[in-house]
Amino acid sequence: MTKGVQIAIGATVIAGLLGWYGATNLDAAPAFTYYKTLEDFQANADASRGARSRFHGYVAANSIRRDVEAMRVRFLVQNDPPHADDGSGTPIEVILESLETPDLFKDGAEVVVEGRMVAGSAGPVFEADKIMAKCPSKFEAAPMGSTES
């Protein structure tokens, strides 16, 4: 067998494998997707029920409940930071089936939650399998009229 035939067979096998991989993963969620705001997610929650989703929001104040025996964390996510006091819409209940949370996870933390929306006993809940907490900014603007240098 000549070198050219070997290369052609190898290229055909590789092309076939790539085609098979692409065809079997057409309806799978992409590996990298941007998140939606909580408001956008809630607007389309019925359409995405059961499908993998990712949304961004803030942990509602005094909503974190750790159930050590059941190995889960329950909390509420709202659209705006708790200190904004602007009636940040309807929060969504999130259940994480693990006690392991990011170090920055606390009341008021900015989070991105990934998982599925499911029917709960008291209404729909979001079952998360990933929680990412955003690092707060270390730099804040100086107050107006300040002459610090």
N, C-alpha and C. Protein backbone atom coordinates (compact mmCIF):
# COMPACT_ATOMS: atom_id res chain seq x y z
N MET A 1 0.85 -1.17 0.00
CA MET A 1 0.00 0.00 0.00
C MET A 1 0.90 1.24 0.00
N THR A 2 0.59 2.17 -0.86
CA THR A 2 1.44 3.37 -0.96
C THR A 2 1.10 4.34 0.15
N LYS A 3 2.01 5.27 0.37
CA LYS A 3 1.84 6.28 1.40
C LYS A 3 0.60 7.14 1.15
N GLY A 4 0.31 7.47 -0.10
CA GLY A 4 -0.86 8.28 -0.44
C GLY A 4 -2.17 7.58 -0.09
N VAL A 5 -2.24 6.27 -0.32
CA VAL A 5 -3.45 5.51 0.02
C VAL A 5 -3.63 5.46 1.53
N GLN A 6 -2.54 5.29 2.28
CA GLN A 6 -2.62 5.26 3.73
C GLN A 6 -3.13 6.59 4.28
N ILE A 7 -2.63 7.69 3.72
CA ILE A 7 -3.07 9.01 4.16
C ILE A 7 -4.55 9.21 3.84
N ALA A 8 -4.99 8.77 2.66
CA ALA A 8 -6.39 8.91 2.27
C ALA A 8 -7.30 8.10 3.19
N ILE A 9 -6.90 6.89 3.55
CA ILE A 9 -7.70 6.06 4.45
C ILE A 9 -7.76 6.71 5.83
N GLY A 10 -6.63 7.19 6.31
CA GLY A 10 -6.60 7.86 7.63
C GLY A 10 -7.48 9.11 7.64
N ALA A 11 -7.43 9.91 6.58
CA ALA A 11 -8.26 11.11 6.51
C ALA A 11 -9.74 10.75 6.45
N THR A 12 -10.08 9.68 5.76
CA THR A 12 -11.47 9.24 5.66
C THR A 12 -11.99 8.78 7.01
N VAL A 13 -11.16 8.03 7.75
CA VAL A 13 -11.56 7.57 9.09
C VAL A 13 -11.77 8.77 10.01
N ILE A 14 -10.87 9.74 9.99
CA ILE A 14 -10.98 10.92 10.84
C ILE A 14 -12.23 11.71 10.48
N ALA A 15 -12.48 11.92 9.19
CA ALA A 15 -13.67 12.64 8.75
C ALA A 15 -14.94 11.91 9.17
N GLY A 16 -14.94 10.59 9.09
CA GLY A 16 -16.09 9.80 9.52
C GLY A 16 -16.35 9.92 11.01
N LEU A 17 -15.30 9.87 11.81
CA LEU A 17 -15.44 10.02 13.26
C LEU A 17 -15.96 11.41 13.62
N LEU A 18 -15.44 12.45 12.98
CA LEU A 18 -15.92 13.81 13.25
C LEU A 18 -17.38 13.97 12.85
N GLY A 19 -17.76 13.39 11.73
CA GLY A 19 -19.16 13.43 11.30
C GLY A 19 -20.07 12.71 12.26
N TRP A 20 -19.65 11.53 12.72
CA TRP A 20 -20.44 10.77 13.68
C TRP A 20 -20.59 11.55 14.99
N TYR A 21 -19.50 12.15 15.48
CA TYR A 21 -19.54 12.93 16.71
C TYR A 21 -20.50 14.11 16.58
N GLY A 22 -20.42 14.82 15.45
CA GLY A 22 -21.31 15.96 15.22
C GLY A 22 -22.76 15.55 15.14
N ALA A 23 -23.04 14.45 14.47
CA ALA A 23 -24.43 13.99 14.30
C ALA A 23 -25.04 13.52 15.63
N THR A 24 -24.25 12.89 16.48
CA THR A 24 -24.79 12.38 17.74
C THR A 24 -24.94 13.47 18.80
N ASN A 25 -24.33 14.63 18.60
CA ASN A 25 -24.40 15.70 19.59
C ASN A 25 -25.18 16.90 19.11
N LEU A 26 -26.02 16.74 18.09
CA LEU A 26 -26.78 17.87 17.57
C LEU A 26 -27.77 18.42 18.58
N ASP A 27 -28.47 17.56 19.32
CA ASP A 27 -29.45 18.06 20.26
C ASP A 27 -28.90 18.24 21.67
N ALA A 28 -27.64 17.99 21.88
CA ALA A 28 -27.03 18.23 23.19
C ALA A 28 -26.75 19.72 23.34
N ALA A 29 -26.81 20.21 24.57
CA ALA A 29 -26.52 21.62 24.82
C ALA A 29 -25.05 21.89 24.54
N PRO A 30 -24.74 23.06 24.01
CA PRO A 30 -23.34 23.37 23.75
C PRO A 30 -22.53 23.39 25.04
N ALA A 31 -21.26 23.06 24.93
CA ALA A 31 -20.41 23.00 26.11
C ALA A 31 -20.19 24.38 26.72
N PHE A 32 -20.21 25.41 25.93
CA PHE A 32 -19.98 26.76 26.44
C PHE A 32 -21.13 27.65 26.00
N THR A 33 -21.93 28.06 26.94
CA THR A 33 -23.03 28.96 26.63
C THR A 33 -22.99 30.12 27.62
N TYR A 34 -23.42 31.24 27.18
CA TYR A 34 -23.53 32.38 28.07
C TYR A 34 -24.76 32.21 28.94
N TYR A 35 -24.83 32.92 30.02
CA TYR A 35 -25.96 32.81 30.91
C TYR A 35 -27.00 33.88 30.57
N LYS A 36 -28.22 33.61 31.02
CA LYS A 36 -29.31 34.57 30.90
C LYS A 36 -29.44 35.31 32.22
N THR A 37 -30.06 36.47 32.19
CA THR A 37 -30.41 37.12 33.45
C THR A 37 -31.57 36.34 34.04
N LEU A 38 -31.79 36.46 35.31
CA LEU A 38 -32.89 35.75 35.96
C LEU A 38 -34.22 36.18 35.35
N GLU A 39 -34.36 37.46 35.05
CA GLU A 39 -35.60 37.96 34.45
C GLU A 39 -35.88 37.30 33.10
N ASP A 40 -34.86 37.18 32.25
CA ASP A 40 -35.02 36.51 30.95
C ASP A 40 -35.31 35.02 31.14
N PHE A 41 -34.63 34.41 32.08
CA PHE A 41 -34.87 32.98 32.34
C PHE A 41 -36.31 32.74 32.79
N GLN A 42 -36.81 33.57 33.71
CA GLN A 42 -38.17 33.38 34.20
C GLN A 42 -39.21 33.63 33.11
N ALA A 43 -38.90 34.52 32.17
CA ALA A 43 -39.83 34.79 31.08
C ALA A 43 -40.01 33.57 30.19
N ASN A 44 -38.99 32.71 30.10
CA ASN A 44 -39.05 31.52 29.26
C ASN A 44 -38.91 30.23 30.07
N ALA A 45 -39.24 30.26 31.34
CA ALA A 45 -39.04 29.10 32.22
C ALA A 45 -39.86 27.89 31.78
N ASP A 46 -41.09 28.11 31.31
CA ASP A 46 -41.91 26.98 30.89
C ASP A 46 -41.33 26.29 29.68
N ALA A 47 -40.76 27.06 28.76
CA ALA A 47 -40.18 26.48 27.54
C ALA A 47 -38.91 25.69 27.85
N SER A 48 -38.18 26.10 28.88
CA SER A 48 -36.91 25.43 29.17
C SER A 48 -37.02 24.42 30.31
N ARG A 49 -38.23 24.09 30.74
CA ARG A 49 -38.41 23.13 31.84
C ARG A 49 -37.81 21.79 31.45
N GLY A 50 -36.94 21.28 32.29
CA GLY A 50 -36.29 19.99 32.05
C GLY A 50 -35.01 20.09 31.25
N ALA A 51 -34.81 21.19 30.52
CA ALA A 51 -33.60 21.36 29.72
C ALA A 51 -32.52 22.03 30.56
N ARG A 52 -31.27 21.78 30.24
CA ARG A 52 -30.17 22.42 30.95
C ARG A 52 -30.19 23.91 30.68
N SER A 53 -30.04 24.69 31.75
CA SER A 53 -30.07 26.14 31.65
C SER A 53 -29.03 26.73 32.58
N ARG A 54 -28.72 27.99 32.33
CA ARG A 54 -27.77 28.73 33.17
C ARG A 54 -28.28 30.16 33.28
N PHE A 55 -28.37 30.67 34.51
CA PHE A 55 -28.80 32.05 34.69
C PHE A 55 -27.99 32.74 35.77
N HIS A 56 -28.08 34.06 35.75
CA HIS A 56 -27.30 34.92 36.65
C HIS A 56 -28.25 35.66 37.57
N GLY A 57 -27.85 35.80 38.83
CA GLY A 57 -28.65 36.57 39.77
C GLY A 57 -27.87 36.78 41.06
N TYR A 58 -28.59 37.14 42.11
CA TYR A 58 -27.98 37.42 43.41
C TYR A 58 -28.67 36.59 44.48
N VAL A 59 -27.91 36.05 45.41
CA VAL A 59 -28.47 35.27 46.50
C VAL A 59 -29.28 36.21 47.39
N ALA A 60 -30.55 35.89 47.61
CA ALA A 60 -31.42 36.72 48.44
C ALA A 60 -30.95 36.68 49.89
N ALA A 61 -31.11 37.79 50.57
CA ALA A 61 -30.67 37.90 51.97
C ALA A 61 -31.42 36.89 52.84
N ASN A 62 -30.70 36.25 53.74
CA ASN A 62 -31.23 35.30 54.72
C ASN A 62 -32.01 34.14 54.09
N SER A 63 -31.60 33.70 52.92
CA SER A 63 -32.33 32.62 52.26
C SER A 63 -31.57 31.30 52.21
N ILE A 64 -30.32 31.29 52.60
CA ILE A 64 -29.50 30.07 52.50
C ILE A 64 -29.86 29.12 53.64
N ARG A 65 -30.26 27.90 53.27
CA ARG A 65 -30.60 26.85 54.23
C ARG A 65 -29.79 25.61 53.90
N ARG A 66 -28.91 25.20 54.80
CA ARG A 66 -28.09 24.00 54.60
C ARG A 66 -28.72 22.84 55.36
N ASP A 67 -29.06 21.80 54.64
CA ASP A 67 -29.62 20.59 55.24
C ASP A 67 -28.53 19.53 55.20
N VAL A 68 -27.82 19.39 56.31
CA VAL A 68 -26.67 18.49 56.38
C VAL A 68 -27.09 17.04 56.21
N GLU A 69 -28.21 16.65 56.80
CA GLU A 69 -28.66 15.26 56.72
C GLU A 69 -29.04 14.87 55.29
N ALA A 70 -29.70 15.77 54.58
CA ALA A 70 -30.10 15.49 53.20
C ALA A 70 -29.00 15.84 52.20
N MET A 71 -27.91 16.41 52.69
CA MET A 71 -26.77 16.79 51.83
C MET A 71 -27.21 17.74 50.71
N ARG A 72 -27.91 18.83 51.08
CA ARG A 72 -28.34 19.78 50.07
C ARG A 72 -28.36 21.20 50.64
N VAL A 73 -28.30 22.16 49.74
CA VAL A 73 -28.39 23.57 50.10
C VAL A 73 -29.56 24.16 49.31
N ARG A 74 -30.44 24.88 50.01
CA ARG A 74 -31.56 25.58 49.38
C ARG A 74 -31.33 27.08 49.57
N PHE A 75 -31.64 27.84 48.53
CA PHE A 75 -31.53 29.29 48.63
C PHE A 75 -32.37 29.93 47.54
N LEU A 76 -32.58 31.22 47.65
CA LEU A 76 -33.34 31.97 46.66
C LEU A 76 -32.39 32.85 45.86
N VAL A 77 -32.66 32.98 44.58
CA VAL A 77 -31.89 33.86 43.71
C VAL A 77 -32.84 34.93 43.19
N GLN A 78 -32.41 36.18 43.28
CA GLN A 78 -33.22 37.29 42.77
C GLN A 78 -32.45 38.03 41.69
N ASN A 79 -33.16 38.88 40.96
CA ASN A 79 -32.59 39.54 39.79
C ASN A 79 -31.59 40.64 40.14
N ASP A 80 -31.83 41.38 41.22
CA ASP A 80 -30.98 42.52 41.58
C ASP A 80 -30.33 42.28 42.94
N PRO A 81 -29.24 42.99 43.23
CA PRO A 81 -28.58 42.82 44.53
C PRO A 81 -29.53 43.17 45.67
N PRO A 82 -29.42 42.48 46.80
CA PRO A 82 -30.33 42.73 47.93
C PRO A 82 -30.27 44.17 48.43
N HIS A 83 -29.13 44.82 48.32
CA HIS A 83 -29.01 46.19 48.83
C HIS A 83 -29.64 47.22 47.89
N ALA A 84 -30.10 46.82 46.71
CA ALA A 84 -30.69 47.76 45.75
C ALA A 84 -32.08 48.20 46.19
N ASP A 85 -32.79 47.38 46.96
CA ASP A 85 -34.12 47.72 47.49
C ASP A 85 -35.07 48.24 46.41
N ASP A 86 -35.10 47.57 45.27
CA ASP A 86 -35.99 48.03 44.20
C ASP A 86 -37.04 46.98 43.86
N GLY A 87 -37.36 46.09 44.79
CA GLY A 87 -38.37 45.07 44.52
C GLY A 87 -37.94 44.20 43.36
N SER A 88 -36.87 43.47 43.51
CA SER A 88 -36.20 42.78 42.41
C SER A 88 -36.98 41.64 41.80
N GLY A 89 -38.27 41.73 41.74
CA GLY A 89 -39.06 40.71 41.06
C GLY A 89 -39.22 39.46 41.91
N THR A 90 -39.70 38.42 41.28
CA THR A 90 -39.95 37.16 41.96
C THR A 90 -38.66 36.34 42.03
N PRO A 91 -38.22 36.01 43.24
CA PRO A 91 -37.03 35.16 43.32
C PRO A 91 -37.36 33.73 42.93
N ILE A 92 -36.34 32.98 42.61
CA ILE A 92 -36.52 31.58 42.23
C ILE A 92 -35.79 30.71 43.25
N GLU A 93 -36.43 29.62 43.66
CA GLU A 93 -35.82 28.70 44.63
C GLU A 93 -34.85 27.79 43.90
N VAL A 94 -33.66 27.66 44.48
CA VAL A 94 -32.62 26.80 43.91
C VAL A 94 -32.25 25.75 44.94
N ILE A 95 -32.10 24.51 44.47
CA ILE A 95 -31.65 23.41 45.33
C ILE A 95 -30.36 22.86 44.74
N LEU A 96 -29.33 22.84 45.55
CA LEU A 96 -28.05 22.24 45.16
C LEU A 96 -27.91 20.94 45.93
N GLU A 97 -27.79 19.83 45.21
CA GLU A 97 -27.70 18.51 45.85
C GLU A 97 -26.27 18.23 46.30
N SER A 98 -25.73 19.14 47.05
CA SER A 98 -24.38 19.02 47.60
C SER A 98 -24.22 20.07 48.67
N LEU A 99 -23.33 19.85 49.59
CA LEU A 99 -23.03 20.87 50.59
C LEU A 99 -21.82 21.71 50.19
N GLU A 100 -21.19 21.33 49.09
CA GLU A 100 -20.00 22.05 48.64
C GLU A 100 -20.41 23.26 47.82
N THR A 101 -20.14 24.43 48.36
CA THR A 101 -20.43 25.68 47.67
C THR A 101 -19.14 26.48 47.54
N PRO A 102 -19.09 27.43 46.59
CA PRO A 102 -17.88 28.24 46.45
C PRO A 102 -17.62 29.06 47.72
N ASP A 103 -16.37 29.42 47.94
CA ASP A 103 -16.00 30.20 49.11
C ASP A 103 -16.74 31.53 49.17
N LEU A 104 -17.02 32.12 48.02
CA LEU A 104 -17.66 33.44 47.96
C LEU A 104 -19.18 33.36 48.03
N PHE A 105 -19.74 32.16 48.19
CA PHE A 105 -21.19 31.98 48.24
C PHE A 105 -21.69 32.43 49.61
N LYS A 106 -22.51 33.47 49.62
CA LYS A 106 -23.08 34.01 50.85
C LYS A 106 -24.28 34.88 50.47
N ASP A 107 -24.99 35.41 51.46
CA ASP A 107 -26.12 36.30 51.19
C ASP A 107 -25.64 37.48 50.35
N GLY A 108 -26.38 37.79 49.30
CA GLY A 108 -26.06 38.93 48.45
C GLY A 108 -25.01 38.65 47.39
N ALA A 109 -24.44 37.45 47.38
CA ALA A 109 -23.39 37.12 46.41
C ALA A 109 -23.97 37.07 45.00
N GLU A 110 -23.17 37.51 44.05
CA GLU A 110 -23.53 37.43 42.64
C GLU A 110 -23.17 36.03 42.16
N VAL A 111 -24.16 35.29 41.62
CA VAL A 111 -23.94 33.90 41.25
C VAL A 111 -24.45 33.61 39.85
N VAL A 112 -23.84 32.57 39.26
CA VAL A 112 -24.35 31.97 38.03
C VAL A 112 -24.67 30.53 38.40
N VAL A 113 -25.91 30.12 38.14
CA VAL A 113 -26.40 28.82 38.55
C VAL A 113 -26.71 28.01 37.29
N GLU A 114 -26.28 26.75 37.28
CA GLU A 114 -26.50 25.88 36.13
C GLU A 114 -27.18 24.60 36.58
N GLY A 115 -28.21 24.19 35.83
CA GLY A 115 -28.95 22.98 36.15
C GLY A 115 -30.22 22.87 35.34
N ARG A 116 -31.30 22.38 36.00
CA ARG A 116 -32.59 22.16 35.32
C ARG A 116 -33.74 22.66 36.18
N MET A 117 -34.76 23.17 35.53
CA MET A 117 -36.00 23.58 36.20
C MET A 117 -36.89 22.35 36.29
N VAL A 118 -37.37 22.04 37.49
CA VAL A 118 -38.22 20.87 37.70
C VAL A 118 -39.44 21.27 38.54
N ALA A 119 -40.42 20.40 38.57
CA ALA A 119 -41.62 20.64 39.38
C ALA A 119 -41.33 20.22 40.81
N GLY A 120 -41.57 21.12 41.74
CA GLY A 120 -41.40 20.82 43.15
C GLY A 120 -42.76 20.68 43.82
N SER A 121 -42.77 20.34 45.10
CA SER A 121 -44.04 20.16 45.82
C SER A 121 -44.78 21.49 46.00
N ALA A 122 -44.05 22.59 46.12
CA ALA A 122 -44.68 23.90 46.31
C ALA A 122 -44.53 24.78 45.07
N GLY A 123 -44.28 24.19 43.94
CA GLY A 123 -44.10 24.96 42.70
C GLY A 123 -42.78 24.61 42.07
N PRO A 124 -42.48 25.25 40.95
CA PRO A 124 -41.24 24.92 40.25
C PRO A 124 -39.99 25.34 41.05
N VAL A 125 -38.97 24.50 41.00
CA VAL A 125 -37.68 24.80 41.63
C VAL A 125 -36.58 24.52 40.61
N PHE A 126 -35.44 25.13 40.83
CA PHE A 126 -34.30 24.93 39.94
C PHE A 126 -33.32 24.01 40.65
N GLU A 127 -33.08 22.83 40.08
CA GLU A 127 -32.11 21.89 40.64
C GLU A 127 -30.76 22.18 40.02
N ALA A 128 -29.87 22.74 40.81
CA ALA A 128 -28.55 23.14 40.33
C ALA A 128 -27.54 22.02 40.52
N ASP A 129 -26.63 21.90 39.56
CA ASP A 129 -25.50 21.00 39.75
C ASP A 129 -24.19 21.78 39.73
N LYS A 130 -24.27 23.06 39.37
CA LYS A 130 -23.09 23.93 39.41
C LYS A 130 -23.49 25.31 39.90
N ILE A 131 -22.68 25.86 40.78
CA ILE A 131 -22.86 27.24 41.23
C ILE A 131 -21.51 27.93 41.13
N MET A 132 -21.52 29.07 40.49
CA MET A 132 -20.30 29.86 40.37
C MET A 132 -20.56 31.21 41.00
N ALA A 133 -19.75 31.60 41.97
CA ALA A 133 -19.91 32.88 42.63
C ALA A 133 -18.88 33.85 42.07
N LYS A 134 -19.34 35.05 41.77
CA LYS A 134 -18.47 36.07 41.19
C LYS A 134 -17.69 36.75 42.30
N CYS A 135 -16.44 37.00 42.02
CA CYS A 135 -15.57 37.70 42.96
C CYS A 135 -15.97 39.16 43.02
N PRO A 136 -16.23 39.71 44.20
CA PRO A 136 -16.59 41.12 44.27
C PRO A 136 -15.41 42.00 43.89
N SER A 137 -15.72 43.16 43.36
CA SER A 137 -14.67 44.08 42.94
C SER A 137 -13.93 44.62 44.16
N LYS A 138 -12.62 44.67 44.06
CA LYS A 138 -11.82 45.20 45.17
C LYS A 138 -11.69 46.71 45.08
N PHE A 139 -12.05 47.27 43.95
CA PHE A 139 -11.89 48.69 43.74
C PHE A 139 -13.25 49.36 43.66
N GLU A 140 -13.41 50.42 44.41
CA GLU A 140 -14.65 51.18 44.37
C GLU A 140 -14.31 52.62 44.07
N ALA A 141 -15.23 53.31 43.46
CA ALA A 141 -15.02 54.72 43.13
C ALA A 141 -14.93 55.55 44.39
N ALA A 142 -14.07 56.54 44.38
CA ALA A 142 -13.95 57.46 45.51
C ALA A 142 -15.18 58.36 45.53
N PRO A 143 -15.63 58.76 46.72
CA PRO A 143 -16.79 59.63 46.80
C PRO A 143 -16.53 60.94 46.07
N MET A 144 -17.59 61.53 45.53
CA MET A 144 -17.45 62.80 44.81
C MET A 144 -16.91 63.87 45.76
N GLY A 145 -16.02 64.69 45.27
CA GLY A 145 -15.44 65.77 46.06
C GLY A 145 -14.22 65.32 46.85
N SER A 146 -13.88 64.06 46.79
CA SER A 146 -12.72 63.54 47.50
C SER A 146 -11.47 63.93 46.75
N THR A 147 -10.44 64.35 47.46
CA THR A 147 -9.18 64.75 46.81
C THR A 147 -8.04 63.83 47.19
N GLU A 148 -8.38 62.58 47.53
CA GLU A 148 -7.31 61.63 47.89
C GLU A 148 -6.48 61.32 46.68
N SER A 149 -5.18 61.12 46.90
CA SER A 149 -4.31 60.76 45.78
C SER A 149 -3.51 59.54 46.09
